[in-house]
Amino acid sequence: MKRIFTTALALTLALSLTACGGAKSGGKTHLDEIKAAGKIVLGTSADYPPYEFHKTIDGKDTIVGWEIEMAEQIAKDLGVKLEIKESAFDNLIADLKANKVDFVVSAMSITEERAKNVDFSTPYWKGGQSVLVLKEKAGQYKTPADLKGKTIAVQLGTTGEEEAKKIEGAKVKPVDKFEATILDLLAGKVDAVICGYTVGKNYEKNNPKLAFAMELSSEENAAAFRKGDKELTEAVNAALKKLISGGQLEQIVKKYEAEASN
């Protein structure tokens, strides 16, 4: 775990940040506006444990997860409060571009296609896509070829959907909410679910009917910002550096028993 965080610090993000003035209004930067408002609005899809998910606390529905606690610490470092705006994962980048949220943290992997629309922070987590199946059938799935002709549930707009489409002969069933993929799997409506490594391991650990079958890819998660929002991106990167080097992020991750890919 420590090695992964240290490596993340050493990585130089290949996708360079644009330095255009699009993030500025009336001489103030977006970061200035956030600090003046006293809050930063986070966009997330809270259906992906242990990254972010709903939990009833003291009778109140609350969004929790290790990325949520990370975002709270980032807000604290900026001197503002964190406000959470939940949306379907497939809508998060659109919400960001439409100024409905200030940044996105939602187990989002860095891809070239996404980088055309957003800027990314320094990566802080190594994930990748994996296959989750019913435990009783786990022995049937050892390689991607074993999924040929099978029905695979995925969350719409994710890299998991992209991986599913690469599997020859597979029938891909995309849905808005990730929980629906698990319900379909448990009900026998699909043969497998493609999800992040960390999420797959979490479900295997907490549901005796499910099993982690295989890894399909290696990816890195990062926060997303509007194109050219240089000041905010740099401020969040500085906050992430403190969280990683100080060991706080590792403590948060351990609290949620999250597992990173090798």
Protein backbone atom coordinates (compact mmCIF):
# COMPACT_ATOMS: atom_id res chain seq x y z
CA MET A 1 0.00 0.00 0.00
CA LYS A 2 2.75 2.43 0.98
CA ARG A 3 4.61 1.62 -2.22
CA ILE A 4 1.60 2.54 -4.32
CA PHE A 5 1.18 5.93 -2.66
CA THR A 6 4.89 6.68 -2.97
CA THR A 7 4.81 5.74 -6.63
CA ALA A 8 1.82 7.99 -7.19
CA LEU A 9 3.80 10.93 -5.81
CA ALA A 10 6.67 10.23 -8.19
CA LEU A 11 4.48 10.02 -11.27
CA THR A 12 4.49 12.97 -13.65
CA LEU A 13 1.09 13.25 -15.21
CA ALA A 14 1.57 12.70 -18.93
CA LEU A 15 -1.61 14.59 -19.71
CA SER A 16 -0.50 18.22 -19.36
CA LEU A 17 -2.73 20.89 -17.84
CA THR A 18 -3.85 23.68 -20.13
CA ALA A 19 -3.07 27.17 -18.88
CA CYS A 20 -5.84 29.03 -20.65
CA GLY A 21 -7.83 31.74 -18.91
CA GLY A 22 -11.13 29.85 -19.08
CA ALA A 23 -11.16 29.27 -15.32
CA LYS A 24 -11.01 33.01 -14.59
CA SER A 25 -13.91 35.42 -14.23
CA GLY A 26 -13.61 39.13 -13.49
CA GLY A 27 -9.93 38.74 -12.57
CA LYS A 28 -10.71 36.04 -10.00
CA THR A 29 -9.74 32.43 -10.43
CA HIS A 30 -12.12 29.57 -9.78
CA LEU A 31 -10.12 28.81 -6.63
CA ASP A 32 -10.65 32.41 -5.45
CA GLU A 33 -14.40 32.00 -5.97
CA ILE A 34 -14.45 28.72 -4.03
CA LYS A 35 -12.65 30.27 -1.08
CA ALA A 36 -14.94 33.30 -1.14
CA ALA A 37 -18.00 31.01 -1.12
CA GLY A 38 -16.52 28.94 1.71
CA LYS A 39 -17.34 25.65 0.02
CA ILE A 40 -16.23 23.35 -2.77
CA VAL A 41 -18.81 21.24 -4.59
CA LEU A 42 -17.82 17.65 -5.26
CA GLY A 43 -19.39 15.62 -8.04
CA THR A 44 -19.56 11.88 -7.37
CA SER A 45 -21.56 8.72 -8.06
CA ALA A 46 -22.07 7.25 -4.60
CA ASP A 47 -22.73 3.64 -5.55
CA TYR A 48 -19.23 2.21 -5.65
CA PRO A 49 -18.09 0.87 -2.26
CA PRO A 50 -15.59 1.29 -0.72
CA TYR A 51 -14.80 4.44 -2.77
CA GLU A 52 -18.14 6.16 -2.11
CA PHE A 53 -21.50 4.78 -1.05
CA HIS A 54 -24.61 5.45 1.03
CA LYS A 55 -24.81 4.50 4.69
CA THR A 56 -27.39 5.24 7.36
CA ILE A 57 -25.72 7.08 10.25
CA ASP A 58 -27.82 8.14 13.25
CA GLY A 59 -30.92 7.54 11.16
CA LYS A 60 -29.70 9.78 8.32
CA ASP A 61 -28.74 8.68 4.82
CA THR A 62 -25.09 9.72 4.43
CA ILE A 63 -22.57 9.44 1.63
CA VAL A 64 -19.37 7.89 2.94
CA GLY A 65 -16.28 6.10 1.60
CA TRP A 66 -12.55 6.48 1.52
CA GLU A 67 -12.59 8.90 -1.42
CA ILE A 68 -15.21 10.99 0.36
CA GLU A 69 -12.98 11.28 3.43
CA MET A 70 -10.08 12.13 1.13
CA ALA A 71 -12.17 14.88 -0.48
CA GLU A 72 -13.15 16.19 2.96
CA GLN A 73 -9.47 16.48 3.87
CA ILE A 74 -8.77 18.28 0.60
CA ALA A 75 -11.55 20.77 1.36
CA LYS A 76 -10.15 21.26 4.86
CA ASP A 77 -6.72 21.97 3.39
CA LEU A 78 -8.29 24.60 1.12
CA GLY A 79 -10.05 26.14 4.13
CA VAL A 80 -13.57 25.43 2.88
CA LYS A 81 -16.44 22.99 3.50
CA LEU A 82 -17.20 20.06 1.23
CA GLU A 83 -20.61 19.93 -0.43
CA ILE A 84 -21.51 16.71 -2.27
CA LYS A 85 -23.63 16.60 -5.43
CA GLU A 86 -24.51 13.06 -6.48
CA SER A 87 -25.10 12.10 -10.09
CA ALA A 88 -24.94 9.06 -12.34
CA PHE A 89 -21.32 8.32 -13.24
CA ASP A 90 -22.01 8.90 -16.92
CA ASN A 91 -23.13 12.49 -16.15
CA LEU A 92 -20.21 13.56 -13.95
CA ILE A 93 -18.02 15.10 -16.64
CA ALA A 94 -21.02 16.88 -18.16
CA ASP A 95 -21.88 18.30 -14.72
CA LEU A 96 -18.28 19.46 -14.33
CA LYS A 97 -18.23 21.19 -17.73
CA ALA A 98 -21.61 22.80 -16.99
CA ASN A 99 -20.22 24.32 -13.75
CA LYS A 100 -22.63 22.29 -11.60
CA VAL A 101 -19.70 20.96 -9.55
CA ASP A 102 -16.18 22.23 -8.87
CA PHE A 103 -14.36 18.91 -9.22
CA VAL A 104 -15.05 15.20 -9.52
CA VAL A 105 -13.84 12.36 -7.31
CA SER A 106 -15.52 9.08 -8.17
CA ALA A 107 -13.03 6.24 -8.77
CA MET A 108 -12.41 7.94 -12.10
CA SER A 109 -9.62 6.45 -14.18
CA ILE A 110 -7.32 8.59 -16.28
CA THR A 111 -7.93 7.95 -19.99
CA GLU A 112 -6.90 9.81 -23.13
CA GLU A 113 -10.54 10.26 -24.13
CA ARG A 114 -11.51 11.82 -20.79
CA ALA A 115 -8.42 14.02 -20.88
CA LYS A 116 -9.86 15.71 -23.96
CA ASN A 117 -12.62 17.10 -21.75
CA VAL A 118 -11.08 17.46 -18.28
CA ASP A 119 -7.78 17.99 -16.50
CA PHE A 120 -6.65 15.39 -13.98
CA SER A 121 -4.89 15.61 -10.65
CA THR A 122 -1.85 13.59 -9.79
CA PRO A 123 -3.01 9.95 -9.66
CA TYR A 124 -3.57 8.73 -6.11
CA TRP A 125 -4.76 5.13 -6.56
CA LYS A 126 -3.99 2.11 -8.71
CA GLY A 127 -7.08 0.16 -9.67
CA GLY A 128 -7.87 -1.45 -13.01
CA GLN A 129 -10.87 -3.42 -14.21
CA SER A 130 -11.76 -6.88 -12.96
CA VAL A 131 -14.41 -9.57 -13.33
CA LEU A 132 -16.86 -10.49 -10.58
CA VAL A 133 -18.96 -13.69 -10.85
CA LEU A 134 -21.10 -15.97 -8.72
CA LYS A 135 -18.87 -17.99 -6.40
CA GLU A 136 -20.46 -21.28 -7.47
CA LYS A 137 -19.37 -20.62 -11.06
CA ALA A 138 -15.99 -19.01 -10.38
CA GLY A 139 -14.05 -21.99 -11.74
CA GLN A 140 -15.55 -21.41 -15.19
CA TYR A 141 -13.93 -18.00 -15.62
CA LYS A 142 -10.14 -17.86 -15.75
CA THR A 143 -9.42 -15.83 -18.90
CA PRO A 144 -11.34 -13.18 -20.90
CA ALA A 145 -12.00 -15.85 -23.54
CA ASP A 146 -14.20 -17.67 -21.02
CA LEU A 147 -16.63 -14.75 -21.21
CA LYS A 148 -17.32 -15.26 -24.91
CA GLY A 149 -21.06 -15.46 -25.48
CA LYS A 150 -21.77 -14.46 -21.88
CA THR A 151 -23.83 -11.50 -20.66
CA ILE A 152 -21.78 -8.92 -18.77
CA ALA A 153 -23.25 -6.11 -16.67
CA VAL A 154 -21.34 -2.82 -16.47
CA GLN A 155 -21.91 0.71 -15.25
CA LEU A 156 -22.58 3.12 -18.09
CA GLY A 157 -19.72 5.41 -19.09
CA THR A 158 -17.01 3.53 -17.17
CA THR A 159 -13.79 1.96 -18.37
CA GLY A 160 -15.43 -1.30 -17.31
CA GLU A 161 -17.90 -0.80 -20.16
CA GLU A 162 -14.99 -0.27 -22.55
CA GLU A 163 -13.29 -3.47 -21.36
CA ALA A 164 -16.52 -5.45 -21.76
CA LYS A 165 -16.85 -4.31 -25.37
CA LYS A 166 -13.39 -5.74 -26.11
CA ILE A 167 -14.50 -9.27 -25.24
CA GLU A 168 -15.40 -11.11 -28.41
CA GLY A 169 -18.95 -12.41 -28.51
CA ALA A 170 -19.94 -11.01 -25.13
CA LYS A 171 -23.32 -9.37 -24.60
CA VAL A 172 -22.84 -6.10 -22.74
CA LYS A 173 -25.60 -4.78 -20.45
CA PRO A 174 -24.86 -1.18 -19.35
CA VAL A 175 -26.80 0.35 -16.43
CA ASP A 176 -26.77 3.76 -14.71
CA LYS A 177 -26.21 2.59 -11.14
CA PHE A 178 -23.54 0.07 -10.22
CA GLU A 179 -25.72 -1.66 -7.62
CA ALA A 180 -27.96 -2.80 -10.47
CA THR A 181 -25.10 -4.86 -11.93
CA ILE A 182 -24.71 -6.74 -8.65
CA LEU A 183 -28.45 -7.33 -8.31
CA ASP A 184 -28.56 -8.70 -11.87
CA LEU A 185 -25.62 -11.00 -11.13
CA LEU A 186 -27.16 -12.34 -7.92
CA ALA A 187 -30.49 -12.86 -9.72
CA GLY A 188 -28.83 -14.82 -12.51
CA LYS A 189 -29.77 -12.24 -15.15
CA VAL A 190 -26.12 -11.80 -16.18
CA ASP A 191 -23.08 -14.06 -16.05
CA ALA A 192 -20.52 -11.55 -14.83
CA VAL A 193 -19.90 -7.96 -13.75
CA ILE A 194 -16.90 -5.91 -14.79
CA CYS A 195 -15.87 -3.39 -12.14
CA GLY A 196 -12.84 -1.79 -10.54
CA TYR A 197 -10.35 -4.08 -8.80
CA THR A 198 -10.94 -2.45 -5.40
CA VAL A 199 -14.71 -2.74 -5.76
CA GLY A 200 -14.54 -6.37 -6.89
CA LYS A 201 -12.42 -7.32 -3.90
CA ASN A 202 -14.78 -5.43 -1.59
CA TYR A 203 -17.85 -7.28 -2.85
CA GLU A 204 -16.08 -10.65 -2.68
CA LYS A 205 -15.15 -9.94 0.94
CA ASN A 206 -18.64 -8.86 1.97
CA ASN A 207 -20.87 -11.20 -0.02
CA PRO A 208 -20.29 -14.96 0.24
CA LYS A 209 -22.18 -15.53 -3.02
CA LEU A 210 -19.67 -13.53 -5.09
CA ALA A 211 -16.14 -14.25 -6.23
CA PHE A 212 -13.33 -12.22 -7.81
CA ALA A 213 -12.45 -14.02 -11.06
CA MET A 214 -9.67 -12.10 -12.84
CA GLU A 215 -8.07 -8.76 -13.63
CA LEU A 216 -8.49 -7.26 -17.10
CA SER A 217 -6.53 -4.00 -17.01
CA SER A 218 -4.38 -1.65 -14.97
CA GLU A 219 -5.57 1.92 -14.39
CA GLU A 220 -4.94 4.94 -12.20
CA ASN A 221 -7.59 7.01 -10.43
CA ALA A 222 -7.46 10.78 -10.12
CA ALA A 223 -9.64 13.82 -9.44
CA ALA A 224 -11.05 15.63 -12.47
CA PHE A 225 -11.29 19.39 -13.09
CA ARG A 226 -12.54 21.69 -15.81
CA LYS A 227 -10.04 22.31 -18.59
CA GLY A 228 -7.68 25.15 -17.72
CA ASP A 229 -8.62 25.22 -14.02
CA LYS A 230 -4.92 25.33 -13.19
CA GLU A 231 -5.05 27.01 -9.79
CA LEU A 232 -7.58 24.58 -8.32
CA THR A 233 -5.82 21.58 -9.81
CA GLU A 234 -2.49 22.68 -8.33
CA ALA A 235 -4.08 23.35 -4.93
CA VAL A 236 -5.66 19.89 -4.85
CA ASN A 237 -2.39 18.30 -5.95
CA ALA A 238 -0.65 20.05 -3.05
CA ALA A 239 -3.31 18.77 -0.65
CA LEU A 240 -2.98 15.23 -2.03
CA LYS A 241 0.78 15.38 -1.58
CA LYS A 242 0.33 16.22 2.11
CA LEU A 243 -2.21 13.42 2.58
CA ILE A 244 0.05 10.87 0.92
CA SER A 245 3.39 11.90 2.41
CA GLY A 246 1.89 12.35 5.88
CA GLY A 247 0.30 8.90 5.84
CA GLN A 248 -3.27 10.20 6.29
CA LEU A 249 -4.52 8.76 3.01
CA GLU A 250 -3.13 5.36 3.89
CA GLN A 251 -4.98 5.49 7.23
CA ILE A 252 -8.24 6.42 5.49
CA VAL A 253 -7.84 3.56 3.01
CA LYS A 254 -7.16 1.06 5.81
CA LYS A 255 -10.30 2.22 7.61
CA TYR A 256 -12.36 1.08 4.62
CA GLU A 257 -10.20 -2.01 3.98
CA ALA A 258 -9.69 -0.94 0.37
CA GLU A 259 -7.29 -3.00 -1.74
CA ALA A 260 -5.20 -1.50 -4.52
CA SER A 261 -4.15 -3.44 -7.59
CA ASN A 262 -0.53 -4.59 -7.86
